[in-house]
């Protein structure tokens, strides 16, 4: 689901980048919908299978959130220096969404997990 939503958000960013009028405006609002599941899903996948180390790992994941601080500045810099204006800045979220899609699509290989089907909901960390 994370990979699918990230690909859809990347497509929305591409549509904004292409300056297609109303289609770009609608794509901008749709990108918010597709971003809705990203942080909670990344967080859950990041601590999956860590057992007693999940509390420390979750604090590191929360402290490592830098996108909200760095990416808007980079996006604004690109928009200010480009002749295309603000739409050119949408290359930044496009790249980020492609990165998140890769994480979502290849998570089981990256983590060495068989998937989340073996998760027991009756036990805590």
PDB file of N, CA and C in Angstrom:
ATOM      1  N   UNK A   1       0.820  -1.181   0.000  1.00  0.00           N
ATOM      2  CA  UNK A   1       0.000   0.000   0.000  1.00  0.00           C
ATOM      3  C   UNK A   1       0.872   1.257   0.000  1.00  0.00           C
ATOM      4  N   UNK A   2       1.947   1.233   0.787  1.00  0.00           N
ATOM      5  CA  UNK A   2       2.838   2.394   0.832  1.00  0.00           C
ATOM      6  C   UNK A   2       3.435   2.668  -0.546  1.00  0.00           C
ATOM      7  N   UNK A   3       3.903   1.627  -1.216  1.00  0.00           N
ATOM      8  CA  UNK A   3       4.477   1.791  -2.544  1.00  0.00           C
ATOM      9  C   UNK A   3       3.473   2.330  -3.544  1.00  0.00           C
ATOM     10  N   UNK A   4       2.253   1.813  -3.491  1.00  0.00           N
ATOM     11  CA  UNK A   4       1.204   2.249  -4.409  1.00  0.00           C
ATOM     12  C   UNK A   4       0.836   3.718  -4.184  1.00  0.00           C
ATOM     13  N   UNK A   5       0.655   4.101  -2.920  1.00  0.00           N
ATOM     14  CA  UNK A   5       0.298   5.488  -2.621  1.00  0.00           C
ATOM     15  C   UNK A   5       1.452   6.434  -2.960  1.00  0.00           C
ATOM     16  N   UNK A   6       2.683   6.003  -2.740  1.00  0.00           N
ATOM     17  CA  UNK A   6       3.829   6.857  -3.059  1.00  0.00           C
ATOM     18  C   UNK A   6       3.966   7.047  -4.568  1.00  0.00           C
ATOM     19  N   UNK A   7       3.711   6.009  -5.341  1.00  0.00           N
ATOM     20  CA  UNK A   7       3.740   6.145  -6.803  1.00  0.00           C
ATOM     21  C   UNK A   7       2.640   7.106  -7.262  1.00  0.00           C
ATOM     22  N   UNK A   8       1.456   6.975  -6.676  1.00  0.00           N
ATOM     23  CA  UNK A   8       0.360   7.881  -7.038  1.00  0.00           C
ATOM     24  C   UNK A   8       0.701   9.324  -6.667  1.00  0.00           C
ATOM     25  N   UNK A   9       1.329   9.530  -5.508  1.00  0.00           N
ATOM     26  CA  UNK A   9       1.732  10.881  -5.115  1.00  0.00           C
ATOM     27  C   UNK A   9       2.814  11.415  -6.046  1.00  0.00           C
ATOM     28  N   UNK A  10       3.713  10.541  -6.499  1.00  0.00           N
ATOM     29  CA  UNK A  10       4.745  10.962  -7.453  1.00  0.00           C
ATOM     30  C   UNK A  10       4.116  11.385  -8.779  1.00  0.00           C
ATOM     31  N   UNK A  11       3.124  10.651  -9.224  1.00  0.00           N
ATOM     32  CA  UNK A  11       2.421  11.019 -10.460  1.00  0.00           C
ATOM     33  C   UNK A  11       1.726  12.372 -10.278  1.00  0.00           C
ATOM     34  N   UNK A  12       1.126  12.579  -9.115  1.00  0.00           N
ATOM     35  CA  UNK A  12       0.483  13.873  -8.840  1.00  0.00           C
ATOM     36  C   UNK A  12       1.510  15.001  -8.868  1.00  0.00           C
ATOM     37  N   UNK A  13       2.687  14.780  -8.286  1.00  0.00           N
ATOM     38  CA  UNK A  13       3.737  15.802  -8.317  1.00  0.00           C
ATOM     39  C   UNK A  13       4.189  16.077  -9.742  1.00  0.00           C
ATOM     40  N   UNK A  14       4.269  15.035 -10.545  1.00  0.00           N
ATOM     41  CA  UNK A  14       4.646  15.213 -11.947  1.00  0.00           C
ATOM     42  C   UNK A  14       3.601  16.049 -12.690  1.00  0.00           C
ATOM     43  N   UNK A  15       2.341  15.809 -12.409  1.00  0.00           N
ATOM     44  CA  UNK A  15       1.283  16.595 -13.053  1.00  0.00           C
ATOM     45  C   UNK A  15       1.353  18.066 -12.652  1.00  0.00           C
ATOM     46  N   UNK A  16       1.702  18.339 -11.392  1.00  0.00           N
ATOM     47  CA  UNK A  16       1.878  19.732 -10.960  1.00  0.00           C
ATOM     48  C   UNK A  16       3.080  20.334 -11.663  1.00  0.00           C
ATOM     49  N   UNK A  17       4.142  19.563 -11.761  1.00  0.00           N
ATOM     50  CA  UNK A  17       5.372  20.016 -12.417  1.00  0.00           C
ATOM     51  C   UNK A  17       5.126  20.392 -13.883  1.00  0.00           C
ATOM     52  N   UNK A  18       4.211  19.688 -14.531  1.00  0.00           N
ATOM     53  CA  UNK A  18       3.935  19.918 -15.950  1.00  0.00           C
ATOM     54  C   UNK A  18       3.028  21.121 -16.208  1.00  0.00           C
ATOM     55  N   UNK A  19       2.494  21.746 -15.177  1.00  0.00           N
ATOM     56  CA  UNK A  19       1.633  22.938 -15.292  1.00  0.00           C
ATOM     57  C   UNK A  19       0.492  22.730 -16.289  1.00  0.00           C
ATOM     58  N   UNK A  20      -0.434  21.865 -15.923  1.00  0.00           N
ATOM     59  CA  UNK A  20      -1.548  21.515 -16.801  1.00  0.00           C
ATOM     60  C   UNK A  20      -2.859  22.194 -16.408  1.00  0.00           C
ATOM     61  N   UNK A  21      -2.775  23.307 -15.733  1.00  0.00           N
ATOM     62  CA  UNK A  21      -3.983  24.040 -15.367  1.00  0.00           C
ATOM     63  C   UNK A  21      -4.752  23.353 -14.242  1.00  0.00           C
ATOM     64  N   UNK A  22      -6.065  23.143 -14.498  1.00  0.00           N
ATOM     65  CA  UNK A  22      -6.908  22.536 -13.477  1.00  0.00           C
ATOM     66  C   UNK A  22      -6.466  21.127 -13.123  1.00  0.00           C
ATOM     67  N   UNK A  23      -5.940  20.390 -14.070  1.00  0.00           N
ATOM     68  CA  UNK A  23      -5.459  19.031 -13.781  1.00  0.00           C
ATOM     69  C   UNK A  23      -4.331  19.077 -12.756  1.00  0.00           C
ATOM     70  N   UNK A  24      -3.458  20.069 -12.867  1.00  0.00           N
ATOM     71  CA  UNK A  24      -2.381  20.225 -11.893  1.00  0.00           C
ATOM     72  C   UNK A  24      -2.919  20.630 -10.525  1.00  0.00           C
ATOM     73  N   UNK A  25      -3.924  21.488 -10.511  1.00  0.00           N
ATOM     74  CA  UNK A  25      -4.521  21.914  -9.234  1.00  0.00           C
ATOM     75  C   UNK A  25      -5.186  20.734  -8.533  1.00  0.00           C
ATOM     76  N   UNK A  26      -5.899  19.924  -9.287  1.00  0.00           N
ATOM     77  CA  UNK A  26      -6.535  18.734  -8.708  1.00  0.00           C
ATOM     78  C   UNK A  26      -5.474  17.752  -8.236  1.00  0.00           C
ATOM     79  N   UNK A  27      -4.413  17.587  -9.018  1.00  0.00           N
ATOM     80  CA  UNK A  27      -3.324  16.682  -8.634  1.00  0.00           C
ATOM     81  C   UNK A  27      -2.657  17.133  -7.340  1.00  0.00           C
ATOM     82  N   UNK A  28      -2.545  18.439  -7.154  1.00  0.00           N
ATOM     83  CA  UNK A  28      -1.960  18.962  -5.917  1.00  0.00           C
ATOM     84  C   UNK A  28      -2.778  18.518  -4.712  1.00  0.00           C
ATOM     85  N   UNK A  29      -4.090  18.663  -4.786  1.00  0.00           N
ATOM     86  CA  UNK A  29      -4.941  18.256  -3.670  1.00  0.00           C
ATOM     87  C   UNK A  29      -4.978  16.741  -3.507  1.00  0.00           C
ATOM     88  N   UNK A  30      -4.925  15.999  -4.591  1.00  0.00           N
ATOM     89  CA  UNK A  30      -4.877  14.541  -4.497  1.00  0.00           C
ATOM     90  C   UNK A  30      -3.584  14.058  -3.847  1.00  0.00           C
ATOM     91  N   UNK A  31      -2.507  14.796  -4.043  1.00  0.00           N
ATOM     92  CA  UNK A  31      -1.235  14.380  -3.433  1.00  0.00           C
ATOM     93  C   UNK A  31      -1.340  14.375  -1.912  1.00  0.00           C
ATOM     94  N   UNK A  32      -2.134  15.283  -1.334  1.00  0.00           N
ATOM     95  CA  UNK A  32      -2.329  15.274   0.116  1.00  0.00           C
ATOM     96  C   UNK A  32      -3.010  13.986   0.563  1.00  0.00           C
ATOM     97  N   UNK A  33      -3.965  13.525  -0.211  1.00  0.00           N
ATOM     98  CA  UNK A  33      -4.631  12.257   0.100  1.00  0.00           C
ATOM     99  C   UNK A  33      -3.627  11.105   0.079  1.00  0.00           C
ATOM    100  N   UNK A  34      -2.789  11.061  -0.939  1.00  0.00           N
ATOM    101  CA  UNK A  34      -1.844   9.956  -1.051  1.00  0.00           C
ATOM    102  C   UNK A  34      -0.732  10.025  -0.007  1.00  0.00           C
ATOM    103  N   UNK A  35      -0.451  11.212   0.514  1.00  0.00           N
ATOM    104  CA  UNK A  35       0.545  11.338   1.582  1.00  0.00           C
ATOM    105  C   UNK A  35       0.001  10.905   2.935  1.00  0.00           C
ATOM    106  N   UNK A  36      -1.292  10.774   3.063  1.00  0.00           N
ATOM    107  CA  UNK A  36      -1.916  10.558   4.359  1.00  0.00           C
ATOM    108  C   UNK A  36      -1.416   9.317   5.088  1.00  0.00           C
ATOM    109  N   UNK A  37      -1.101   8.266   4.389  1.00  0.00           N
ATOM    110  CA  UNK A  37      -0.689   7.032   5.058  1.00  0.00           C
ATOM    111  C   UNK A  37       0.823   6.891   5.183  1.00  0.00           C
ATOM    112  N   UNK A  38       1.580   7.801   4.629  1.00  0.00           N
ATOM    113  CA  UNK A  38       3.023   7.582   4.519  1.00  0.00           C
ATOM    114  C   UNK A  38       3.744   7.513   5.856  1.00  0.00           C
ATOM    115  N   UNK A  39       3.651   8.537   6.698  1.00  0.00           N
ATOM    116  CA  UNK A  39       4.414   8.493   7.940  1.00  0.00           C
ATOM    117  C   UNK A  39       4.012   7.327   8.835  1.00  0.00           C
ATOM    118  N   UNK A  40       2.716   7.101   9.091  1.00  0.00           N
ATOM    119  CA  UNK A  40       2.395   5.978   9.967  1.00  0.00           C
ATOM    120  C   UNK A  40       2.849   4.634   9.412  1.00  0.00           C
ATOM    121  N   UNK A  41       2.787   4.489   8.101  1.00  0.00           N
ATOM    122  CA  UNK A  41       3.201   3.219   7.504  1.00  0.00           C
ATOM    123  C   UNK A  41       4.711   3.064   7.548  1.00  0.00           C
ATOM    124  N   UNK A  42       5.448   4.113   7.236  1.00  0.00           N
ATOM    125  CA  UNK A  42       6.907   4.057   7.325  1.00  0.00           C
ATOM    126  C   UNK A  42       7.329   3.765   8.762  1.00  0.00           C
ATOM    127  N   UNK A  43       6.676   4.410   9.711  1.00  0.00           N
ATOM    128  CA  UNK A  43       6.978   4.202  11.124  1.00  0.00           C
ATOM    129  C   UNK A  43       6.737   2.746  11.519  1.00  0.00           C
ATOM    130  N   UNK A  44       5.584   2.211  11.146  1.00  0.00           N
ATOM    131  CA  UNK A  44       5.251   0.825  11.493  1.00  0.00           C
ATOM    132  C   UNK A  44       6.216  -0.168  10.869  1.00  0.00           C
ATOM    133  N   UNK A  45       6.547   0.045   9.607  1.00  0.00           N
ATOM    134  CA  UNK A  45       7.499  -0.854   8.954  1.00  0.00           C
ATOM    135  C   UNK A  45       8.890  -0.722   9.560  1.00  0.00           C
ATOM    136  N   UNK A  46       9.231   0.483   9.993  1.00  0.00           N
ATOM    137  CA  UNK A  46      10.547   0.721  10.580  1.00  0.00           C
ATOM    138  C   UNK A  46      10.777   0.027  11.894  1.00  0.00           C
ATOM    139  N   UNK A  47       9.730  -0.168  12.687  1.00  0.00           N
ATOM    140  CA  UNK A  47       9.903  -0.825  13.990  1.00  0.00           C
ATOM    141  C   UNK A  47       9.439  -2.279  13.979  1.00  0.00           C
ATOM    142  N   UNK A  48       8.963  -2.748  12.840  1.00  0.00           N
ATOM    143  CA  UNK A  48       8.460  -4.124  12.743  1.00  0.00           C
ATOM    144  C   UNK A  48       9.560  -5.130  13.098  1.00  0.00           C
ATOM    145  N   UNK A  49       9.235  -6.016  13.986  1.00  0.00           N
ATOM    146  CA  UNK A  49      10.129  -7.112  14.327  1.00  0.00           C
ATOM    147  C   UNK A  49      11.289  -6.747  15.240  1.00  0.00           C
ATOM    148  N   UNK A  50      11.284  -5.582  15.839  1.00  0.00           N
ATOM    149  CA  UNK A  50      12.409  -5.177  16.687  1.00  0.00           C
ATOM    150  C   UNK A  50      12.261  -5.608  18.139  1.00  0.00           C
ATOM    151  N   UNK A  51      11.090  -6.061  18.521  1.00  0.00           N
ATOM    152  CA  UNK A  51      10.885  -6.538  19.883  1.00  0.00           C
ATOM    153  C   UNK A  51      11.134  -5.459  20.917  1.00  0.00           C
ATOM    154  N   UNK A  52      12.009  -5.756  21.870  1.00  0.00           N
ATOM    155  CA  UNK A  52      12.271  -4.819  22.960  1.00  0.00           C
ATOM    156  C   UNK A  52      13.025  -3.575  22.496  1.00  0.00           C
ATOM    157  N   UNK A  53      13.630  -3.628  21.331  1.00  0.00           N
ATOM    158  CA  UNK A  53      14.360  -2.467  20.810  1.00  0.00           C
ATOM    159  C   UNK A  53      13.454  -1.478  20.085  1.00  0.00           C
ATOM    160  N   UNK A  54      12.165  -1.782  19.981  1.00  0.00           N
ATOM    161  CA  UNK A  54      11.225  -0.939  19.239  1.00  0.00           C
ATOM    162  C   UNK A  54      11.081   0.452  19.856  1.00  0.00           C
ATOM    163  N   UNK A  55      11.144   0.559  21.189  1.00  0.00           N
ATOM    164  CA  UNK A  55      11.000   1.875  21.821  1.00  0.00           C
ATOM    165  C   UNK A  55      12.151   2.794  21.432  1.00  0.00           C
ATOM    166  N   UNK A  56      13.374   2.291  21.482  1.00  0.00           N
ATOM    167  CA  UNK A  56      14.524   3.109  21.078  1.00  0.00           C
ATOM    168  C   UNK A  56      14.460   3.438  19.589  1.00  0.00           C
ATOM    169  N   UNK A  57      14.131   2.447  18.782  1.00  0.00           N
ATOM    170  CA  UNK A  57      14.061   2.671  17.331  1.00  0.00           C
ATOM    171  C   UNK A  57      12.992   3.695  16.988  1.00  0.00           C
ATOM    172  N   UNK A  58      11.851   3.633  17.663  1.00  0.00           N
ATOM    173  CA  UNK A  58      10.786   4.585  17.357  1.00  0.00           C
ATOM    174  C   UNK A  58      11.202   6.006  17.720  1.00  0.00           C
ATOM    175  N   UNK A  59      11.972   6.165  18.791  1.00  0.00           N
ATOM    176  CA  UNK A  59      12.432   7.513  19.128  1.00  0.00           C
ATOM    177  C   UNK A  59      13.419   8.026  18.084  1.00  0.00           C
ATOM    178  N   UNK A  60      14.256   7.156  17.544  1.00  0.00           N
ATOM    179  CA  UNK A  60      15.181   7.575  16.490  1.00  0.00           C
ATOM    180  C   UNK A  60      14.446   7.939  15.202  1.00  0.00           C
ATOM    181  N   UNK A  61      13.403   7.182  14.878  1.00  0.00           N
ATOM    182  CA  UNK A  61      12.636   7.486  13.673  1.00  0.00           C
ATOM    183  C   UNK A  61      11.970   8.852  13.806  1.00  0.00           C
ATOM    184  N   UNK A  62      11.403   9.134  14.973  1.00  0.00           N
ATOM    185  CA  UNK A  62      10.752  10.423  15.182  1.00  0.00           C
ATOM    186  C   UNK A  62      11.772  11.552  15.154  1.00  0.00           C
ATOM    187  N   UNK A  63      12.943  11.351  15.760  1.00  0.00           N
ATOM    188  CA  UNK A  63      13.963  12.403  15.765  1.00  0.00           C
ATOM    189  C   UNK A  63      14.576  12.624  14.385  1.00  0.00           C
ATOM    190  N   UNK A  64      14.503  11.627  13.526  1.00  0.00           N
ATOM    191  CA  UNK A  64      15.140  11.723  12.215  1.00  0.00           C
ATOM    192  C   UNK A  64      14.274  12.423  11.174  1.00  0.00           C
ATOM    193  N   UNK A  65      13.096  12.874  11.553  1.00  0.00           N
ATOM    194  CA  UNK A  65      12.222  13.553  10.593  1.00  0.00           C
ATOM    195  C   UNK A  65      12.859  14.891  10.238  1.00  0.00           C
ATOM    196  N   UNK A  66      13.364  14.961   9.021  1.00  0.00           N
ATOM    197  CA  UNK A  66      14.006  16.180   8.559  1.00  0.00           C
ATOM    198  C   UNK A  66      13.322  16.752   7.325  1.00  0.00           C
ATOM    199  N   UNK A  67      12.486  15.956   6.700  1.00  0.00           N
ATOM    200  CA  UNK A  67      11.836  16.412   5.476  1.00  0.00           C
ATOM    201  C   UNK A  67      11.039  17.677   5.656  1.00  0.00           C
ATOM    202  N   UNK A  68      10.354  17.801   6.778  1.00  0.00           N
ATOM    203  CA  UNK A  68       9.545  18.983   7.031  1.00  0.00           C
ATOM    204  C   UNK A  68      10.369  20.233   7.286  1.00  0.00           C
ATOM    205  N   UNK A  69      11.648  20.067   7.591  1.00  0.00           N
ATOM    206  CA  UNK A  69      12.505  21.220   7.862  1.00  0.00           C
ATOM    207  C   UNK A  69      13.363  21.599   6.666  1.00  0.00           C
ATOM    208  N   UNK A  70      13.818  20.610   5.925  1.00  0.00           N
ATOM    209  CA  UNK A  70      14.781  20.860   4.845  1.00  0.00           C
ATOM    210  C   UNK A  70      14.113  20.953   3.471  1.00  0.00           C
ATOM    211  N   UNK A  71      13.208  20.053   3.190  1.00  0.00           N
ATOM    212  CA  UNK A  71      12.642  19.973   1.843  1.00  0.00           C
ATOM    213  C   UNK A  71      11.853  21.217   1.419  1.00  0.00           C
ATOM    214  N   UNK A  72      11.060  21.850   2.301  1.00  0.00           N
ATOM    215  CA  UNK A  72      10.381  23.080   1.853  1.00  0.00           C
ATOM    216  C   UNK A  72      11.360  24.192   1.487  1.00  0.00           C
ATOM    217  N   UNK A  73      12.476  24.281   2.190  1.00  0.00           N
ATOM    218  CA  UNK A  73      13.479  25.296   1.857  1.00  0.00           C
ATOM    219  C   UNK A  73      14.105  24.998   0.492  1.00  0.00           C
ATOM    220  N   UNK A  74      14.397  23.731   0.239  1.00  0.00           N
ATOM    221  CA  UNK A  74      14.951  23.339  -1.054  1.00  0.00           C
ATOM    222  C   UNK A  74      13.932  23.577  -2.173  1.00  0.00           C
ATOM    223  N   UNK A  75      12.688  23.240  -1.901  1.00  0.00           N
ATOM    224  CA  UNK A  75      11.626  23.439  -2.883  1.00  0.00           C
ATOM    225  C   UNK A  75      11.460  24.934  -3.192  1.00  0.00           C
ATOM    226  N   UNK A  76      11.482  25.753  -2.162  1.00  0.00           N
ATOM    227  CA  UNK A  76      11.379  27.198  -2.357  1.00  0.00           C
ATOM    228  C   UNK A  76      12.562  27.770  -3.111  1.00  0.00           C
ATOM    229  N   UNK A  77      13.763  27.255  -2.825  1.00  0.00           N
ATOM    230  CA  UNK A  77      14.952  27.723  -3.544  1.00  0.00           C
ATOM    231  C   UNK A  77      14.851  27.397  -5.031  1.00  0.00           C
ATOM    232  N   UNK A  78      14.420  26.192  -5.337  1.00  0.00           N
ATOM    233  CA  UNK A  78      14.254  25.801  -6.743  1.00  0.00           C
ATOM    234  C   UNK A  78      13.190  26.673  -7.407  1.00  0.00           C
ATOM    235  N   UNK A  79      12.091  26.918  -6.701  1.00  0.00           N
ATOM    236  CA  UNK A  79      11.016  27.755  -7.259  1.00  0.00           C
ATOM    237  C   UNK A  79      11.496  29.180  -7.496  1.00  0.00           C
ATOM    238  N   UNK A  80      12.312  29.715  -6.579  1.00  0.00           N
ATOM    239  CA  UNK A  80      12.799  31.089  -6.726  1.00  0.00           C
ATOM    240  C   UNK A  80      13.805  31.248  -7.854  1.00  0.00           C
ATOM    241  N   UNK A  81      14.619  30.230  -8.073  1.00  0.00           N
ATOM    242  CA  UNK A  81      15.677  30.340  -9.078  1.00  0.00           C
ATOM    243  C   UNK A  81      15.247  29.858 -10.458  1.00  0.00           C
ATOM    244  N   UNK A  82      14.126  29.186 -10.539  1.00  0.00           N
ATOM    245  CA  UNK A  82      13.659  28.657 -11.817  1.00  0.00           C
ATOM    246  C   UNK A  82      12.780  29.669 -12.537  1.00  0.00           C
ATOM    247  N   UNK A  83      12.804  29.618 -13.845  1.00  0.00           N
ATOM    248  CA  UNK A  83      11.928  30.476 -14.635  1.00  0.00           C
ATOM    249  C   UNK A  83      10.492  29.937 -14.669  1.00  0.00           C
ATOM    250  N   UNK A  84      10.313  28.661 -14.313  1.00  0.00           N
ATOM    251  CA  UNK A  84       8.980  28.056 -14.295  1.00  0.00           C
ATOM    252  C   UNK A  84       8.208  28.366 -13.027  1.00  0.00           C
ATOM    253  N   UNK A  85       8.843  28.955 -12.035  1.00  0.00           N
ATOM    254  CA  UNK A  85       8.156  29.323 -10.808  1.00  0.00           C
ATOM    255  C   UNK A  85       7.948  28.158  -9.860  1.00  0.00           C
ATOM    256  N   UNK A  86       6.867  28.225  -9.114  1.00  0.00           N
ATOM    257  CA  UNK A  86       6.615  27.259  -8.047  1.00  0.00           C
ATOM    258  C   UNK A  86       6.463  25.839  -8.562  1.00  0.00           C
ATOM    259  N   UNK A  87       5.938  25.675  -9.736  1.00  0.00           N
ATOM    260  CA  UNK A  87       5.737  24.315 -10.243  1.00  0.00           C
ATOM    261  C   UNK A  87       7.055  23.565 -10.376  1.00  0.00           C
ATOM    262  N   UNK A  88       8.143  24.270 -10.655  1.00  0.00           N
ATOM    263  CA  UNK A  88       9.450  23.610 -10.772  1.00  0.00           C
ATOM    264  C   UNK A  88       9.898  23.025  -9.439  1.00  0.00           C
ATOM    265  N   UNK A  89       9.467  23.617  -8.351  1.00  0.00           N
ATOM    266  CA  UNK A  89       9.829  23.118  -7.028  1.00  0.00           C
ATOM    267  C   UNK A  89       9.252  21.748  -6.730  1.00  0.00           C
ATOM    268  N   UNK A  90       8.243  21.341  -7.475  1.00  0.00           N
ATOM    269  CA  UNK A  90       7.624  20.050  -7.216  1.00  0.00           C
ATOM    270  C   UNK A  90       8.486  18.877  -7.659  1.00  0.00           C
ATOM    271  N   UNK A  91       9.662  19.158  -8.182  1.00  0.00           N
ATOM    272  CA  UNK A  91      10.622  18.086  -8.449  1.00  0.00           C
ATOM    273  C   UNK A  91      11.106  17.481  -7.124  1.00  0.00           C
ATOM    274  N   UNK A  92      11.138  18.285  -6.068  1.00  0.00           N
ATOM    275  CA  UNK A  92      11.606  17.808  -4.754  1.00  0.00           C
ATOM    276  C   UNK A  92      10.667  16.742  -4.188  1.00  0.00           C
ATOM    277  N   UNK A  93       9.353  17.007  -4.053  1.00  0.00           N
ATOM    278  CA  UNK A  93       8.504  15.928  -3.557  1.00  0.00           C
ATOM    279  C   UNK A  93       8.429  14.745  -4.511  1.00  0.00           C
ATOM    280  N   UNK A  94       8.571  15.000  -5.813  1.00  0.00           N
ATOM    281  CA  UNK A  94       8.573  13.896  -6.773  1.00  0.00           C
ATOM    282  C   UNK A  94       9.694  12.919  -6.461  1.00  0.00           C
ATOM    283  N   UNK A  95      10.899  13.438  -6.244  1.00  0.00           N
ATOM    284  CA  UNK A  95      12.046  12.575  -5.911  1.00  0.00           C
ATOM    285  C   UNK A  95      11.809  11.865  -4.577  1.00  0.00           C
ATOM    286  N   UNK A  96      11.279  12.586  -3.606  1.00  0.00           N
ATOM    287  CA  UNK A  96      11.018  11.981  -2.294  1.00  0.00           C
ATOM    288  C   UNK A  96       9.977  10.864  -2.392  1.00  0.00           C
ATOM    289  N   UNK A  97       8.932  11.084  -3.166  1.00  0.00           N
ATOM    290  CA  UNK A  97       7.896  10.054  -3.316  1.00  0.00           C
ATOM    291  C   UNK A  97       8.438   8.816  -4.028  1.00  0.00           C
ATOM    292  N   UNK A  98       9.315   9.005  -4.994  1.00  0.00           N
ATOM    293  CA  UNK A  98       9.933   7.850  -5.662  1.00  0.00           C
ATOM    294  C   UNK A  98      10.783   7.067  -4.658  1.00  0.00           C
ATOM    295  N   UNK A  99      11.494   7.783  -3.789  1.00  0.00           N
ATOM    296  CA  UNK A  99      12.307   7.132  -2.759  1.00  0.00           C
ATOM    297  C   UNK A  99      11.422   6.331  -1.798  1.00  0.00           C
ATOM    298  N   UNK A 100      10.328   6.926  -1.356  1.00  0.00           N
ATOM    299  CA  UNK A 100       9.402   6.247  -0.448  1.00  0.00           C
ATOM    300  C   UNK A 100       8.760   5.050  -1.146  1.00  0.00           C
ATOM    301  N   UNK A 101       8.446   5.181  -2.423  1.00  0.00           N
ATOM    302  CA  UNK A 101       7.875   4.060  -3.169  1.00  0.00           C
ATOM    303  C   UNK A 101       8.854   2.898  -3.214  1.00  0.00           C
ATOM    304  N   UNK A 102      10.123   3.194  -3.431  1.00  0.00           N
ATOM    305  CA  UNK A 102      11.131   2.131  -3.410  1.00  0.00           C
ATOM    306  C   UNK A 102      11.195   1.437  -2.065  1.00  0.00           C
ATOM    307  N   UNK A 103      11.140   2.213  -0.988  1.00  0.00           N
ATOM    308  CA  UNK A 103      11.142   1.623   0.351  1.00  0.00           C
ATOM    309  C   UNK A 103       9.916   0.748   0.559  1.00  0.00           C
ATOM    310  N   UNK A 104       8.754   1.253   0.159  1.00  0.00           N
ATOM    311  CA  UNK A 104       7.529   0.494   0.340  1.00  0.00           C
ATOM    312  C   UNK A 104       7.481  -0.774  -0.495  1.00  0.00           C
ATOM    313  N   UNK A 105       7.973  -0.687  -1.716  1.00  0.00           N
ATOM    314  CA  UNK A 105       7.909  -1.855  -2.606  1.00  0.00           C
ATOM    315  C   UNK A 105       8.959  -2.910  -2.277  1.00  0.00           C
ATOM    316  N   UNK A 106      10.103  -2.477  -1.744  1.00  0.00           N
ATOM    317  CA  UNK A 106      11.184  -3.424  -1.475  1.00  0.00           C
ATOM    318  C   UNK A 106      11.446  -3.621   0.007  1.00  0.00           C
ATOM    319  N   UNK A 107      10.497  -3.237   0.863  1.00  0.00           N
ATOM    320  CA  UNK A 107      10.680  -3.326   2.300  1.00  0.00           C
ATOM    321  C   UNK A 107      10.987  -4.748   2.764  1.00  0.00           C
ATOM    322  N   UNK A 108      10.265  -5.731   2.253  1.00  0.00           N
ATOM    323  CA  UNK A 108      10.484  -7.097   2.733  1.00  0.00           C
ATOM    324  C   UNK A 108      11.887  -7.584   2.408  1.00  0.00           C
ATOM    325  N   UNK A 109      12.437  -7.207   1.271  1.00  0.00           N
ATOM    326  CA  UNK A 109      13.816  -7.581   0.935  1.00  0.00           C
ATOM    327  C   UNK A 109      14.819  -6.787   1.767  1.00  0.00           C
ATOM    328  N   UNK A 110      14.547  -5.501   1.981  1.00  0.00           N
ATOM    329  CA  UNK A 110      15.448  -4.664   2.765  1.00  0.00           C
ATOM    330  C   UNK A 110      15.497  -5.090   4.225  1.00  0.00           C
ATOM    331  N   UNK A 111      14.365  -5.521   4.768  1.00  0.00           N
ATOM    332  CA  UNK A 111      14.304  -5.867   6.185  1.00  0.00           C
ATOM    333  C   UNK A 111      14.581  -7.336   6.443  1.00  0.00           C
ATOM    334  N   UNK A 112      14.560  -8.147   5.406  1.00  0.00           N
ATOM    335  CA  UNK A 112      14.751  -9.586   5.589  1.00  0.00           C
ATOM    336  C   UNK A 112      13.526 -10.254   6.179  1.00  0.00           C
ATOM    337  N   UNK A 113      12.388  -9.579   6.144  1.00  0.00           N
ATOM    338  CA  UNK A 113      11.156 -10.100   6.713  1.00  0.00           C
ATOM    339  C   UNK A 113      10.347 -10.804   5.640  1.00  0.00           C
ATOM    340  N   UNK A 114       9.563 -11.740   6.087  1.00  0.00           N
ATOM    341  CA  UNK A 114       8.663 -12.427   5.165  1.00  0.00           C
ATOM    342  C   UNK A 114       7.424 -11.588   4.872  1.00  0.00           C
ATOM    343  N   UNK A 115       7.240 -10.539   5.615  1.00  0.00           N
ATOM    344  CA  UNK A 115       6.072  -9.686   5.463  1.00  0.00           C
ATOM    345  C   UNK A 115       5.436  -9.447   6.808  1.00  0.00           C
ATOM    346  N   UNK A 116       4.300  -8.804   6.803  1.00  0.00           N
ATOM    347  CA  UNK A 116       3.629  -8.487   8.061  1.00  0.00           C
ATOM    348  C   UNK A 116       2.515  -9.467   8.381  1.00  0.00           C
ATOM    349  N   UNK A 117       2.444 -10.570   7.659  1.00  0.00           N
ATOM    350  CA  UNK A 117       1.379 -11.536   7.907  1.00  0.00           C
ATOM    351  C   UNK A 117       1.577 -12.283   9.214  1.00  0.00           C
ATOM    352  N   UNK A 118       2.803 -12.347   9.714  1.00  0.00           N
ATOM    353  CA  UNK A 118       3.053 -13.083  10.944  1.00  0.00           C
ATOM    354  C   UNK A 118       2.968 -12.219  12.198  1.00  0.00           C
ATOM    355  N   UNK A 119       2.430 -11.035  12.093  1.00  0.00           N
ATOM    356  CA  UNK A 119       2.323 -10.118  13.234  1.00  0.00           C
ATOM    357  C   UNK A 119       1.225 -10.611  14.167  1.00  0.00           C
ATOM    358  N   UNK A 120       1.558 -10.680  15.449  1.00  0.00           N
ATOM    359  CA  UNK A 120       0.584 -11.072  16.460  1.00  0.00           C
ATOM    360  C   UNK A 120       0.029  -9.802  17.106  1.00  0.00           C
ATOM    361  N   UNK A 121      -1.270  -9.646  17.045  1.00  0.00           N
ATOM    362  CA  UNK A 121      -1.862  -8.422  17.580  1.00  0.00           C
ATOM    363  C   UNK A 121      -2.198  -8.532  19.050  1.00  0.00           C
ATOM    364  N   UNK A 122      -2.039  -9.696  19.654  1.00  0.00           N
ATOM    365  CA  UNK A 122      -2.374  -9.850  21.063  1.00  0.00           C
ATOM    366  C   UNK A 122      -1.203  -9.546  21.974  1.00  0.00           C
ATOM    367  N   UNK A 123      -0.018  -9.441  21.426  1.00  0.00           N
ATOM    368  CA  UNK A 123       1.164  -9.185  22.233  1.00  0.00           C
ATOM    369  C   UNK A 123       1.754  -7.831  21.887  1.00  0.00           C
ATOM    370  N   UNK A 124       2.329  -7.179  22.884  1.00  0.00           N
ATOM    371  CA  UNK A 124       2.997  -5.907  22.643  1.00  0.00           C
ATOM    372  C   UNK A 124       4.458  -6.131  22.286  1.00  0.00           C
ATOM    373  N   UNK A 125       5.208  -5.070  22.297  1.00  0.00           N
ATOM    374  CA  UNK A 125       6.630  -5.165  21.999  1.00  0.00           C
ATOM    375  C   UNK A 125       7.299  -5.716  23.206  1.00  0.00           C
TER     376      UNK A 125
END
